[in-house]
Amino acid sequence: MTPLYLRVHDSPEAHDYDRQIATLRQAGAPEDWMARAFPRQAVQHHDQRHQAGHPR
C-alpha cells in the first residue's frame, strides 16, 4: 500500500475545520494524526456537532 501524505495549513478564512475533519475521518485518517493536525477544540467541536445531529 502506498502512503498518502497530507498537509493541512491555516487559511486566511475563519478557523472552520468541520469540512476538513469530516473528509479526513471518512478517508480513515488515524485519530493520533488528527490530534496533531488540528486544534483540539476544532475536533471536539466537530464531534459535538456530529453527535447532536447538526453536521455542517
PDB file of N, CA and C in Angstrom:
ATOM      1  N   MET A   1       0.845  -1.175   0.000  1.00  0.00           N
ATOM      2  CA  MET A   1       0.000   0.000   0.000  1.00  0.00           C
ATOM      3  C   MET A   1       0.892   1.240   0.000  1.00  0.00           C
ATOM      4  N   THR A   2       0.572   2.204  -0.826  1.00  0.00           N
ATOM      5  CA  THR A   2       1.326   3.448  -0.916  1.00  0.00           C
ATOM      6  C   THR A   2       0.803   4.451   0.100  1.00  0.00           C
ATOM      7  N   PRO A   3       1.685   5.035   0.909  1.00  0.00           N
ATOM      8  CA  PRO A   3       1.201   6.025   1.889  1.00  0.00           C
ATOM      9  C   PRO A   3       0.744   7.296   1.192  1.00  0.00           C
ATOM     10  N   LEU A   4      -0.213   7.930   1.803  1.00  0.00           N
ATOM     11  CA  LEU A   4      -0.727   9.207   1.316  1.00  0.00           C
ATOM     12  C   LEU A   4      -0.316  10.281   2.313  1.00  0.00           C
ATOM     13  N   TYR A   5       0.339  11.321   1.846  1.00  0.00           N
ATOM     14  CA  TYR A   5       0.779  12.405   2.716  1.00  0.00           C
ATOM     15  C   TYR A   5      -0.106  13.621   2.488  1.00  0.00           C
ATOM     16  N   LEU A   6      -0.638  14.148   3.571  1.00  0.00           N
ATOM     17  CA  LEU A   6      -1.496  15.323   3.504  1.00  0.00           C
ATOM     18  C   LEU A   6      -0.862  16.442   4.309  1.00  0.00           C
ATOM     19  N   ARG A   7      -1.035  17.641   3.829  1.00  0.00           N
ATOM     20  CA  ARG A   7      -0.559  18.806   4.573  1.00  0.00           C
ATOM     21  C   ARG A   7      -1.762  19.701   4.836  1.00  0.00           C
ATOM     22  N   VAL A   8      -1.987  19.998   6.092  1.00  0.00           N
ATOM     23  CA  VAL A   8      -3.081  20.883   6.495  1.00  0.00           C
ATOM     24  C   VAL A   8      -2.444  22.193   6.904  1.00  0.00           C
ATOM     25  N   HIS A   9      -2.970  23.288   6.399  1.00  0.00           N
ATOM     26  CA  HIS A   9      -2.402  24.581   6.750  1.00  0.00           C
ATOM     27  C   HIS A   9      -3.507  25.549   7.136  1.00  0.00           C
ATOM     28  N   ASP A  10      -3.107  26.549   7.844  1.00  0.00           N
ATOM     29  CA  ASP A  10      -4.027  27.588   8.289  1.00  0.00           C
ATOM     30  C   ASP A  10      -4.367  28.484   7.102  1.00  0.00           C
ATOM     31  N   SER A  11      -5.625  28.811   6.960  1.00  0.00           N
ATOM     32  CA  SER A  11      -6.030  29.669   5.853  1.00  0.00           C
ATOM     33  C   SER A  11      -6.444  31.035   6.390  1.00  0.00           C
ATOM     34  N   PRO A  12      -6.488  32.038   5.523  1.00  0.00           N
ATOM     35  CA  PRO A  12      -6.896  33.367   5.977  1.00  0.00           C
ATOM     36  C   PRO A  12      -8.367  33.431   6.372  1.00  0.00           C
ATOM     37  N   GLU A  13      -9.168  32.450   5.924  1.00  0.00           N
ATOM     38  CA  GLU A  13     -10.568  32.433   6.310  1.00  0.00           C
ATOM     39  C   GLU A  13     -10.690  32.052   7.785  1.00  0.00           C
ATOM     40  N   ALA A  14     -11.898  32.014   8.255  1.00  0.00           N
ATOM     41  CA  ALA A  14     -12.154  31.638   9.658  1.00  0.00           C
ATOM     42  C   ALA A  14     -11.628  30.228   9.923  1.00  0.00           C
ATOM     43  N   HIS A  15     -11.392  29.925  11.160  1.00  0.00           N
ATOM     44  CA  HIS A  15     -10.899  28.607  11.550  1.00  0.00           C
ATOM     45  C   HIS A  15     -12.058  27.620  11.588  1.00  0.00           C
ATOM     46  N   ASP A  16     -12.584  27.309  10.431  1.00  0.00           N
ATOM     47  CA  ASP A  16     -13.708  26.391  10.327  1.00  0.00           C
ATOM     48  C   ASP A  16     -13.196  25.084   9.742  1.00  0.00           C
ATOM     49  N   TYR A  17     -12.888  24.146  10.619  1.00  0.00           N
ATOM     50  CA  TYR A  17     -12.265  22.902  10.206  1.00  0.00           C
ATOM     51  C   TYR A  17     -13.272  21.771  10.000  1.00  0.00           C
ATOM     52  N   ASP A  18     -14.564  22.012  10.209  1.00  0.00           N
ATOM     53  CA  ASP A  18     -15.540  20.934  10.169  1.00  0.00           C
ATOM     54  C   ASP A  18     -15.477  20.119   8.888  1.00  0.00           C
ATOM     55  N   ARG A  19     -15.440  20.771   7.758  1.00  0.00           N
ATOM     56  CA  ARG A  19     -15.430  20.053   6.485  1.00  0.00           C
ATOM     57  C   ARG A  19     -14.155  19.211   6.333  1.00  0.00           C
ATOM     58  N   GLN A  20     -13.014  19.790   6.681  1.00  0.00           N
ATOM     59  CA  GLN A  20     -11.761  19.054   6.565  1.00  0.00           C
ATOM     60  C   GLN A  20     -11.744  17.840   7.494  1.00  0.00           C
ATOM     61  N   ILE A  21     -12.211  18.038   8.720  1.00  0.00           N
ATOM     62  CA  ILE A  21     -12.230  16.936   9.685  1.00  0.00           C
ATOM     63  C   ILE A  21     -13.148  15.829   9.200  1.00  0.00           C
ATOM     64  N   ALA A  22     -14.326  16.178   8.716  1.00  0.00           N
ATOM     65  CA  ALA A  22     -15.263  15.170   8.216  1.00  0.00           C
ATOM     66  C   ALA A  22     -14.668  14.395   7.050  1.00  0.00           C
ATOM     67  N   THR A  23     -14.046  15.098   6.114  1.00  0.00           N
ATOM     68  CA  THR A  23     -13.449  14.438   4.949  1.00  0.00           C
ATOM     69  C   THR A  23     -12.323  13.498   5.361  1.00  0.00           C
ATOM     70  N   LEU A  24     -11.453  13.971   6.244  1.00  0.00           N
ATOM     71  CA  LEU A  24     -10.338  13.135   6.670  1.00  0.00           C
ATOM     72  C   LEU A  24     -10.805  11.928   7.470  1.00  0.00           C
ATOM     73  N   ARG A  25     -11.837  12.088   8.285  1.00  0.00           N
ATOM     74  CA  ARG A  25     -12.378  10.937   9.017  1.00  0.00           C
ATOM     75  C   ARG A  25     -12.955   9.914   8.050  1.00  0.00           C
ATOM     76  N   GLN A  26     -13.671  10.382   7.025  1.00  0.00           N
ATOM     77  CA  GLN A  26     -14.228   9.472   6.020  1.00  0.00           C
ATOM     78  C   GLN A  26     -13.120   8.734   5.278  1.00  0.00           C
ATOM     79  N   ALA A  27     -11.984   9.386   5.106  1.00  0.00           N
ATOM     80  CA  ALA A  27     -10.849   8.771   4.417  1.00  0.00           C
ATOM     81  C   ALA A  27     -10.067   7.827   5.332  1.00  0.00           C
ATOM     82  N   GLY A  28     -10.433   7.794   6.613  1.00  0.00           N
ATOM     83  CA  GLY A  28      -9.783   6.885   7.547  1.00  0.00           C
ATOM     84  C   GLY A  28      -8.529   7.433   8.205  1.00  0.00           C
ATOM     85  N   ALA A  29      -8.440   8.745   8.333  1.00  0.00           N
ATOM     86  CA  ALA A  29      -7.270   9.349   8.988  1.00  0.00           C
ATOM     87  C   ALA A  29      -7.178   8.851  10.432  1.00  0.00           C
ATOM     88  N   PRO A  30      -5.998   8.463  10.870  1.00  0.00           N
ATOM     89  CA  PRO A  30      -5.827   7.984  12.244  1.00  0.00           C
ATOM     90  C   PRO A  30      -6.094   9.096  13.261  1.00  0.00           C
ATOM     91  N   GLU A  31      -6.695   8.722  14.372  1.00  0.00           N
ATOM     92  CA  GLU A  31      -7.040   9.691  15.421  1.00  0.00           C
ATOM     93  C   GLU A  31      -5.804  10.399  15.974  1.00  0.00           C
ATOM     94  N   ASP A  32      -4.697   9.677  16.116  1.00  0.00           N
ATOM     95  CA  ASP A  32      -3.497  10.333  16.664  1.00  0.00           C
ATOM     96  C   ASP A  32      -2.977  11.393  15.699  1.00  0.00           C
ATOM     97  N   TRP A  33      -3.100  11.157  14.398  1.00  0.00           N
ATOM     98  CA  TRP A  33      -2.697  12.164  13.420  1.00  0.00           C
ATOM     99  C   TRP A  33      -3.646  13.362  13.464  1.00  0.00           C
ATOM    100  N   MET A  34      -4.948  13.091  13.581  1.00  0.00           N
ATOM    101  CA  MET A  34      -5.939  14.170  13.661  1.00  0.00           C
ATOM    102  C   MET A  34      -5.638  15.060  14.865  1.00  0.00           C
ATOM    103  N   ALA A  35      -5.243  14.453  15.967  1.00  0.00           N
ATOM    104  CA  ALA A  35      -4.933  15.225  17.177  1.00  0.00           C
ATOM    105  C   ALA A  35      -3.719  16.125  16.966  1.00  0.00           C
ATOM    106  N   ARG A  36      -2.780  15.709  16.129  1.00  0.00           N
ATOM    107  CA  ARG A  36      -1.599  16.540  15.853  1.00  0.00           C
ATOM    108  C   ARG A  36      -1.880  17.588  14.784  1.00  0.00           C
ATOM    109  N   ALA A  37      -2.775  17.285  13.849  1.00  0.00           N
ATOM    110  CA  ALA A  37      -3.012  18.156  12.691  1.00  0.00           C
ATOM    111  C   ALA A  37      -3.982  19.302  12.966  1.00  0.00           C
ATOM    112  N   PHE A  38      -4.894  19.109  13.914  1.00  0.00           N
ATOM    113  CA  PHE A  38      -5.929  20.113  14.167  1.00  0.00           C
ATOM    114  C   PHE A  38      -5.930  20.524  15.630  1.00  0.00           C
ATOM    115  N   PRO A  39      -6.353  21.753  15.899  1.00  0.00           N
ATOM    116  CA  PRO A  39      -6.517  22.154  17.306  1.00  0.00           C
ATOM    117  C   PRO A  39      -7.551  21.256  17.989  1.00  0.00           C
ATOM    118  N   ARG A  40      -7.285  20.910  19.232  1.00  0.00           N
ATOM    119  CA  ARG A  40      -8.174  20.003  19.962  1.00  0.00           C
ATOM    120  C   ARG A  40      -9.612  20.518  19.977  1.00  0.00           C
ATOM    121  N   GLN A  41      -9.783  21.833  20.142  1.00  0.00           N
ATOM    122  CA  GLN A  41     -11.135  22.399  20.194  1.00  0.00           C
ATOM    123  C   GLN A  41     -11.868  22.185  18.872  1.00  0.00           C
ATOM    124  N   ALA A  42     -11.164  22.224  17.755  1.00  0.00           N
ATOM    125  CA  ALA A  42     -11.801  22.033  16.450  1.00  0.00           C
ATOM    126  C   ALA A  42     -12.345  20.622  16.324  1.00  0.00           C
ATOM    127  N   VAL A  43     -11.576  19.631  16.752  1.00  0.00           N
ATOM    128  CA  VAL A  43     -12.024  18.245  16.680  1.00  0.00           C
ATOM    129  C   VAL A  43     -13.187  18.022  17.642  1.00  0.00           C
ATOM    130  N   GLN A  44     -13.086  18.554  18.854  1.00  0.00           N
ATOM    131  CA  GLN A  44     -14.175  18.412  19.826  1.00  0.00           C
ATOM    132  C   GLN A  44     -15.451  19.064  19.309  1.00  0.00           C
ATOM    133  N   HIS A  45     -15.337  20.249  18.736  1.00  0.00           N
ATOM    134  CA  HIS A  45     -16.496  20.954  18.201  1.00  0.00           C
ATOM    135  C   HIS A  45     -17.145  20.136  17.078  1.00  0.00           C
ATOM    136  N   HIS A  46     -16.325  19.595  16.191  1.00  0.00           N
ATOM    137  CA  HIS A  46     -16.843  18.767  15.103  1.00  0.00           C
ATOM    138  C   HIS A  46     -17.585  17.558  15.667  1.00  0.00           C
ATOM    139  N   ASP A  47     -16.974  16.875  16.628  1.00  0.00           N
ATOM    140  CA  ASP A  47     -17.595  15.680  17.209  1.00  0.00           C
ATOM    141  C   ASP A  47     -18.909  16.017  17.905  1.00  0.00           C
ATOM    142  N   GLN A  48     -18.965  17.127  18.633  1.00  0.00           N
ATOM    143  CA  GLN A  48     -20.186  17.526  19.328  1.00  0.00           C
ATOM    144  C   GLN A  48     -21.299  17.841  18.336  1.00  0.00           C
ATOM    145  N   ARG A  49     -20.960  18.558  17.257  1.00  0.00           N
ATOM    146  CA  ARG A  49     -21.966  18.886  16.230  1.00  0.00           C
ATOM    147  C   ARG A  49     -22.485  17.605  15.573  1.00  0.00           C
ATOM    148  N   HIS A  50     -21.580  16.692  15.275  1.00  0.00           N
ATOM    149  CA  HIS A  50     -21.961  15.440  14.605  1.00  0.00           C
ATOM    150  C   HIS A  50     -22.861  14.612  15.527  1.00  0.00           C
ATOM    151  N   GLN A  51     -22.506  14.500  16.797  1.00  0.00           N
ATOM    152  CA  GLN A  51     -23.294  13.720  17.747  1.00  0.00           C
ATOM    153  C   GLN A  51     -24.668  14.336  17.987  1.00  0.00           C
ATOM    154  N   ALA A  52     -24.748  15.665  17.913  1.00  0.00           N
ATOM    155  CA  ALA A  52     -26.022  16.346  18.153  1.00  0.00           C
ATOM    156  C   ALA A  52     -26.908  16.335  16.903  1.00  0.00           C
ATOM    157  N   GLY A  53     -26.384  15.785  15.802  1.00  0.00           N
ATOM    158  CA  GLY A  53     -27.168  15.728  14.582  1.00  0.00           C
ATOM    159  C   GLY A  53     -27.169  17.022  13.806  1.00  0.00           C
ATOM    160  N   HIS A  54     -26.119  17.829  13.990  1.00  0.00           N
ATOM    161  CA  HIS A  54     -26.005  19.111  13.292  1.00  0.00           C
ATOM    162  C   HIS A  54     -24.770  19.121  12.400  1.00  0.00           C
ATOM    163  N   PRO A  55     -24.665  18.169  11.475  1.00  0.00           N
ATOM    164  CA  PRO A  55     -23.489  18.228  10.610  1.00  0.00           C
ATOM    165  C   PRO A  55     -23.525  19.473   9.759  1.00  0.00           C
ATOM    166  N   ARG A  56     -22.400  19.941   9.401  1.00  0.00           N
ATOM    167  CA  ARG A  56     -22.274  21.168   8.636  1.00  0.00           C
ATOM    168  C   ARG A  56     -23.016  21.030   7.378  1.00  0.00           C
TER     169      ARG A  56
END
